[in-house]
Protein backbone atom coordinates (compact mmCIF):
# COMPACT_ATOMS: atom_id res chain seq x y z
CA MET A 1 0.02 -0.12 -0.01
CA ASP A 2 1.47 3.31 -1.10
CA PHE A 3 1.31 6.55 0.46
CA PHE A 4 -1.69 7.84 -1.03
CA ASP A 5 -3.57 4.69 -0.51
CA ILE A 6 -2.80 4.64 3.06
CA PHE A 7 -4.09 8.39 3.81
CA LEU A 8 -6.98 7.65 1.65
CA VAL A 9 -8.16 4.75 3.71
CA GLU A 10 -7.61 6.78 7.00
CA ALA A 11 -9.64 9.61 5.38
CA ILE A 12 -12.75 7.04 4.74
CA VAL A 13 -12.20 5.67 8.22
CA ASN A 14 -12.29 9.12 9.89
CA GLY A 15 -15.37 9.99 7.74
CA LEU A 16 -17.14 6.88 9.36
CA LEU A 17 -16.14 8.15 12.90
CA LEU A 18 -17.33 11.58 12.12
CA GLY A 19 -20.63 10.24 10.72
CA GLY A 20 -21.34 8.32 14.00
CA LEU A 21 -21.05 11.62 16.02
CA LEU A 22 -23.32 13.37 13.34
CA ALA A 23 -25.73 10.51 13.38
CA LEU A 24 -26.21 10.86 17.27
CA LEU A 25 -26.62 14.78 16.96
CA SER A 26 -29.09 14.27 14.03
CA LEU A 27 -30.98 11.79 15.99
CA GLY A 28 -32.09 14.12 18.58
CA LEU A 29 -32.92 16.90 16.31
CA ASN A 30 -34.77 14.91 14.16
CA LEU A 31 -36.64 13.09 17.12
CA ILE A 32 -37.78 16.61 18.47
CA PHE A 33 -38.93 17.80 14.93
CA GLY A 34 -40.70 14.41 14.22
CA VAL A 35 -42.87 14.40 17.51
CA ILE A 36 -43.13 18.28 18.46
CA ASP A 37 -42.88 19.46 14.85
CA VAL A 38 -40.47 22.32 16.08
CA VAL A 39 -36.85 22.76 14.68
CA TRP A 40 -34.43 23.77 17.57
CA ILE A 41 -32.10 26.07 15.93
CA CYS A 42 -30.28 26.26 19.31
CA TYR A 43 -29.61 22.53 19.53
CA ALA A 44 -26.01 22.86 19.07
CA GLU A 45 -25.79 25.50 21.73
CA MET A 46 -27.27 23.11 24.16
CA MET A 47 -24.58 20.77 23.56
CA MET A 48 -22.05 23.59 24.18
CA ILE A 49 -23.73 24.19 27.51
CA GLY A 50 -23.09 20.61 28.13
CA MET A 51 -19.45 20.78 27.36
CA TYR A 52 -18.94 23.71 29.57
CA VAL A 53 -20.84 21.70 32.59
CA ILE A 54 -18.43 19.10 32.19
CA TYR A 55 -15.41 21.43 31.90
CA TRP A 56 -16.69 23.05 35.09
CA SER A 57 -17.22 20.07 36.98
CA PHE A 58 -13.90 18.37 36.09
CA SER A 59 -11.42 21.14 35.55
CA VAL A 60 -12.59 23.66 38.06
CA MET A 61 -14.34 21.78 40.69
CA GLY A 62 -12.19 18.79 40.43
CA TRP A 63 -14.68 16.21 40.46
CA PRO A 64 -14.13 12.75 38.67
CA LEU A 65 -14.71 12.88 35.03
CA TYR A 66 -17.48 10.21 35.10
CA ILE A 67 -19.33 12.38 37.57
CA ALA A 68 -18.83 15.44 35.14
CA ILE A 69 -20.21 13.41 32.34
CA ILE A 70 -23.15 12.20 34.06
CA LEU A 71 -23.92 15.72 35.29
CA GLY A 72 -23.36 17.00 31.62
CA VAL A 73 -25.87 14.66 30.25
CA ILE A 74 -28.73 15.23 33.03
CA THR A 75 -28.20 19.10 32.87
CA VAL A 76 -28.71 19.06 29.17
CA ALA A 77 -31.68 16.74 29.37
CA LEU A 78 -33.27 18.97 32.09
CA LEU A 79 -32.41 22.13 29.84
CA GLY A 80 -34.34 20.67 27.06
CA ALA A 81 -37.40 19.93 29.16
CA LEU A 82 -37.23 23.46 30.76
CA MET A 83 -36.78 24.96 27.31
CA HIS A 84 -40.06 23.16 26.05
CA TRP A 85 -41.92 23.88 29.07
CA PHE A 86 -41.39 27.46 29.44
CA ILE A 87 -40.31 28.78 25.98
CA LEU A 88 -41.74 26.44 23.33
CA ARG A 89 -44.93 25.25 24.66
CA PRO A 90 -46.57 28.76 24.57
CA VAL A 91 -45.79 29.02 20.78
CA LEU A 92 -46.62 25.65 19.75
CA SER A 93 -49.52 26.90 18.03
CA ALA A 94 -47.96 29.81 16.50
CA ALA A 95 -46.55 30.21 12.73
CA PRO A 96 -43.54 28.10 12.25
CA ILE A 97 -41.36 31.19 11.64
CA ASN A 98 -42.21 32.43 15.18
CA GLN A 99 -40.99 29.03 16.67
CA LEU A 100 -37.90 29.54 14.68
CA LEU A 101 -37.34 33.03 16.09
CA VAL A 102 -37.79 31.77 19.60
CA THR A 103 -35.48 28.99 19.34
CA GLY A 104 -33.02 31.44 17.47
CA GLY A 105 -33.41 33.85 20.47
CA VAL A 106 -32.31 30.88 22.93
CA LEU A 107 -29.27 30.38 20.78
CA PHE A 108 -27.88 33.94 21.38
CA PHE A 109 -29.16 33.74 25.03
CA LEU A 110 -26.91 30.52 25.67
CA GLN A 111 -24.13 32.07 23.83
CA ALA A 112 -24.15 34.99 25.78
CA VAL A 113 -24.50 33.00 29.18
CA ALA A 114 -21.55 31.00 28.30
CA THR A 115 -19.50 34.12 27.31
CA VAL A 116 -20.43 35.90 30.68
CA ALA A 117 -19.68 32.87 32.75
CA PHE A 118 -16.57 31.64 31.11
CA GLY A 119 -15.16 34.55 28.68
CA ILE A 120 -14.22 34.10 25.20
CA ASP A 121 -11.12 32.11 25.82
CA PHE A 122 -10.64 28.57 24.64
CA LYS A 123 -11.10 25.90 27.41
CA ASN A 124 -9.90 22.26 27.61
CA ILE A 125 -10.37 19.54 30.19
CA GLY A 126 -6.90 18.58 29.65
CA VAL A 127 -7.50 14.79 28.85
CA ARG A 128 -5.32 13.46 26.07
CA LEU A 129 -6.02 9.93 24.67
CA PRO A 130 -3.51 8.19 22.78
CA SER A 131 -3.72 7.14 18.92
CA LEU A 132 -4.48 3.64 17.86
CA ILE A 133 -2.07 2.41 15.14
CA VAL A 134 -3.58 -0.35 12.87
CA GLY A 135 -0.98 -1.29 10.37
CA ASP A 136 0.18 2.06 8.71
CA ILE A 137 -3.21 3.79 9.81
CA SER A 138 -3.27 6.12 13.04
CA LEU A 139 -6.69 6.64 14.41
CA SER A 140 -7.69 8.94 17.29
CA MET A 141 -8.77 6.91 20.29
CA ALA A 142 -11.21 9.93 21.12
CA ARG A 143 -12.91 9.60 17.87
CA LEU A 144 -13.11 5.99 18.02
CA ILE A 145 -14.63 5.95 21.60
CA ALA A 146 -17.11 8.61 20.45
CA PHE A 147 -18.14 6.56 17.53
CA VAL A 148 -18.57 3.40 19.62
CA VAL A 149 -20.65 5.23 22.28
CA ALA A 150 -22.79 7.07 19.72
CA MET A 151 -23.82 3.78 17.94
CA ILE A 152 -24.66 2.32 21.30
CA ALA A 153 -26.72 5.23 22.27
CA ILE A 154 -28.30 5.18 18.86
CA ALA A 155 -29.33 1.35 19.34
CA ALA A 156 -30.43 2.06 22.80
CA THR A 157 -32.68 5.07 21.47
CA TYR A 158 -34.11 2.76 18.88
CA PHE A 159 -35.08 -0.04 21.40
CA PHE A 160 -36.48 2.73 23.77
CA LEU A 161 -38.54 3.87 20.70
CA ASN A 162 -39.77 0.31 19.73
CA ARG A 163 -39.95 -1.71 22.93
CA THR A 164 -41.11 0.60 25.74
CA TYR A 165 -44.58 1.89 26.18
CA ALA A 166 -43.20 5.57 26.23
CA GLY A 167 -41.30 4.98 23.08
CA THR A 168 -44.42 3.62 21.48
CA ALA A 169 -46.35 6.61 22.63
CA ILE A 170 -43.59 8.98 21.00
CA ARG A 171 -43.86 7.05 17.71
CA ALA A 172 -47.71 7.16 17.71
CA ILE A 173 -47.92 10.82 18.55
CA SER A 174 -45.53 11.58 15.88
CA GLN A 175 -47.74 9.93 13.42
CA ASP A 176 -51.15 11.07 14.64
CA ARG A 177 -51.34 14.08 17.10
CA ALA A 178 -55.19 14.35 16.77
CA ILE A 179 -56.16 10.76 18.03
CA MET A 180 -53.71 10.23 20.70
CA PRO A 181 -55.68 12.32 23.43
CA LEU A 182 -58.61 10.02 22.48
CA MET A 183 -56.36 6.92 23.36
CA GLY A 184 -55.64 8.54 26.91
CA VAL A 185 -52.12 9.70 26.19
CA SER A 186 -51.25 13.35 27.09
CA PRO A 187 -49.50 15.00 24.23
CA GLY A 188 -48.00 17.56 26.56
CA LYS A 189 -46.17 14.85 28.60
CA ILE A 190 -44.80 13.27 25.49
CA TYR A 191 -43.46 16.38 24.35
CA LEU A 192 -41.83 16.85 27.54
CA LEU A 193 -40.36 13.63 27.58
CA THR A 194 -39.16 13.91 23.88
CA SER A 195 -37.51 17.21 24.80
CA ALA A 196 -35.81 15.62 27.65
CA VAL A 197 -34.56 12.63 25.62
CA GLY A 198 -33.41 15.05 22.72
CA GLY A 199 -31.62 17.05 25.13
CA GLY A 200 -30.10 14.06 26.94
CA LEU A 201 -28.77 13.11 23.43
CA ALA A 202 -27.19 16.44 22.95
CA GLY A 203 -25.51 16.19 26.33
CA LEU A 204 -24.13 12.85 25.31
CA ALA A 205 -22.82 14.29 22.36
CA ALA A 206 -21.07 16.96 24.58
CA CYS A 207 -19.38 14.48 26.56
CA LEU A 208 -17.92 12.84 23.36
CA LEU A 209 -16.93 16.26 21.83
CA VAL A 210 -15.16 17.47 24.93
CA LEU A 211 -12.71 14.88 24.46
CA GLN A 212 -11.77 16.25 21.07
CA TYR A 213 -12.34 19.79 20.98
CA ASP A 214 -11.76 23.16 22.93
CA ILE A 215 -14.53 24.70 24.31
CA HIS A 216 -15.82 28.14 23.49
CA PRO A 217 -19.09 29.95 23.26
CA ALA A 218 -19.24 29.75 19.63
CA ILE A 219 -18.58 25.95 19.13
CA GLY A 220 -22.22 25.38 18.35
CA LEU A 221 -21.60 27.41 15.16
CA SER A 222 -19.35 24.89 14.12
CA PHE A 223 -21.67 22.01 14.26
CA GLY A 224 -25.23 23.52 14.07
CA PRO A 225 -25.53 24.51 10.53
CA ILE A 226 -24.07 20.83 9.64
CA ILE A 227 -26.40 18.99 11.96
CA PHE A 228 -29.46 21.11 10.40
CA LEU A 229 -28.31 20.17 6.96
CA VAL A 230 -27.85 16.38 7.77
CA CYS A 231 -31.57 16.44 9.02
CA VAL A 232 -32.89 18.24 5.90
CA MET A 233 -30.95 16.07 3.59
CA GLY A 234 -32.25 13.00 5.48
CA GLY A 235 -35.80 14.38 5.65
CA LEU A 236 -36.80 16.27 8.74
CA GLY A 237 -38.12 13.81 11.44
CA ASN A 238 -36.96 10.78 9.54
CA LEU A 239 -34.66 9.03 11.90
CA VAL A 240 -33.41 6.44 9.27
CA GLY A 241 -32.88 9.23 6.67
CA GLY A 242 -30.92 11.22 9.03
CA PHE A 243 -28.71 8.43 10.05
CA VAL A 244 -27.78 7.73 6.35
CA ALA A 245 -27.22 11.45 5.64
CA ALA A 246 -24.88 11.84 8.61
CA PHE A 247 -22.28 9.20 6.92
CA ILE A 248 -22.66 10.54 3.66
CA PHE A 249 -22.03 14.12 4.70
CA ALA A 250 -19.27 13.07 6.89
CA GLN A 251 -17.56 11.13 3.82
CA PHE A 252 -17.89 14.20 1.85
CA ILE A 253 -16.19 16.34 4.44
CA SER A 254 -13.25 13.90 5.29
CA VAL A 255 -12.50 12.42 1.89
CA GLY A 256 -12.99 15.84 0.14
CA GLY A 257 -10.79 17.37 2.61
CA PHE A 258 -8.12 14.77 2.04
CA VAL A 259 -8.24 15.01 -1.76
CA LEU A 260 -8.32 18.78 -1.88
CA ALA A 261 -8.35 20.76 1.37
CA ILE A 262 -10.43 20.65 4.54
CA GLU A 263 -12.44 23.85 3.32
CA TRP A 264 -13.18 22.31 0.13
CA GLY A 265 -14.45 19.16 1.93
CA TYR A 266 -17.09 21.49 3.28
CA VAL A 267 -17.70 22.95 0.13
CA LEU A 268 -18.40 19.59 -1.74
CA ALA A 269 -20.63 18.51 1.17
CA PHE A 270 -22.74 21.75 0.59
CA VAL A 271 -22.86 21.24 -2.99
CA PHE A 272 -23.95 17.71 -2.65
CA PHE A 273 -26.70 18.83 -0.34
CA ILE A 274 -27.97 21.59 -2.84
CA VAL A 275 -28.00 18.91 -5.47
CA MET A 276 -30.05 16.44 -3.30
CA MET A 277 -32.64 19.24 -2.60
CA PHE A 278 -33.23 19.58 -6.05
CA LEU A 279 -33.50 15.83 -6.81
CA ARG A 280 -35.17 14.76 -3.55
CA PRO A 281 -36.41 17.77 -1.56
CA GLU A 282 -38.27 15.55 1.02
CA GLY A 283 -34.95 13.65 1.75
CA ILE A 284 -32.72 11.06 0.28
CA LEU A 285 -34.94 8.31 1.13
CA SER A 286 -38.01 9.84 -0.13
CA ARG A 287 -39.76 8.39 -3.20
CA ARG A 288 -40.24 10.17 -6.38
CA ARG A 289 -43.58 11.34 -7.12
């Protein structure tokens, strides 16, 4: 295997690892949209808050890392539930643009809170994981752990949605909101539960990202647009479509970045997104009409 082949394979593998993380993030956002029919523009900023909670717990307070991780997940899950109850619930019957503006306002609010609390300097928890050498290929252990944990979380969410009463109620209300109250299911409680689960997934993603990236108030802007495009390309509310789209998008970023440059990798991914919106505006798994 020559020099070019080695690094091409490494780029493909890194694309798979990135795809797992994007799939986890798109799962939470798609779940919320599929059930509540509201797009949380501030979803990545909630993840950012989780990263800061982990940093504060571990690096500032000196608590064990596993305690900081648990606290990060719980905090973002509670944040998701609180945001639905106090902010989104009053505007559920409003026009979609009003809902987007509300979540956009939350985005800037969370950024401002993080800036006031922690400043604009980049933070890091200081945990460095070694690389895994497989033949001539070097892989980041942090990315491998993130991929494995993301796949386990996605499988667990699938089990929850398909094998539990609460999960069945979530799937049912996403298919027919009008009839569920007649069957004794409270839509408000399901919406609240869905917001907490979606927030918990964002909190888990924060735990995985904090091992790979520095933390700063604008880090959500690095992932928010990509997550949204992945969800749209997969079909908003389509969990399987978002899963597939995440890996396709990640391969364009990783392999395109290797062949040309990292910036061109994102350009190619965005171009592919635009083309797919012309060919399949309802998502990559939608059928042609």
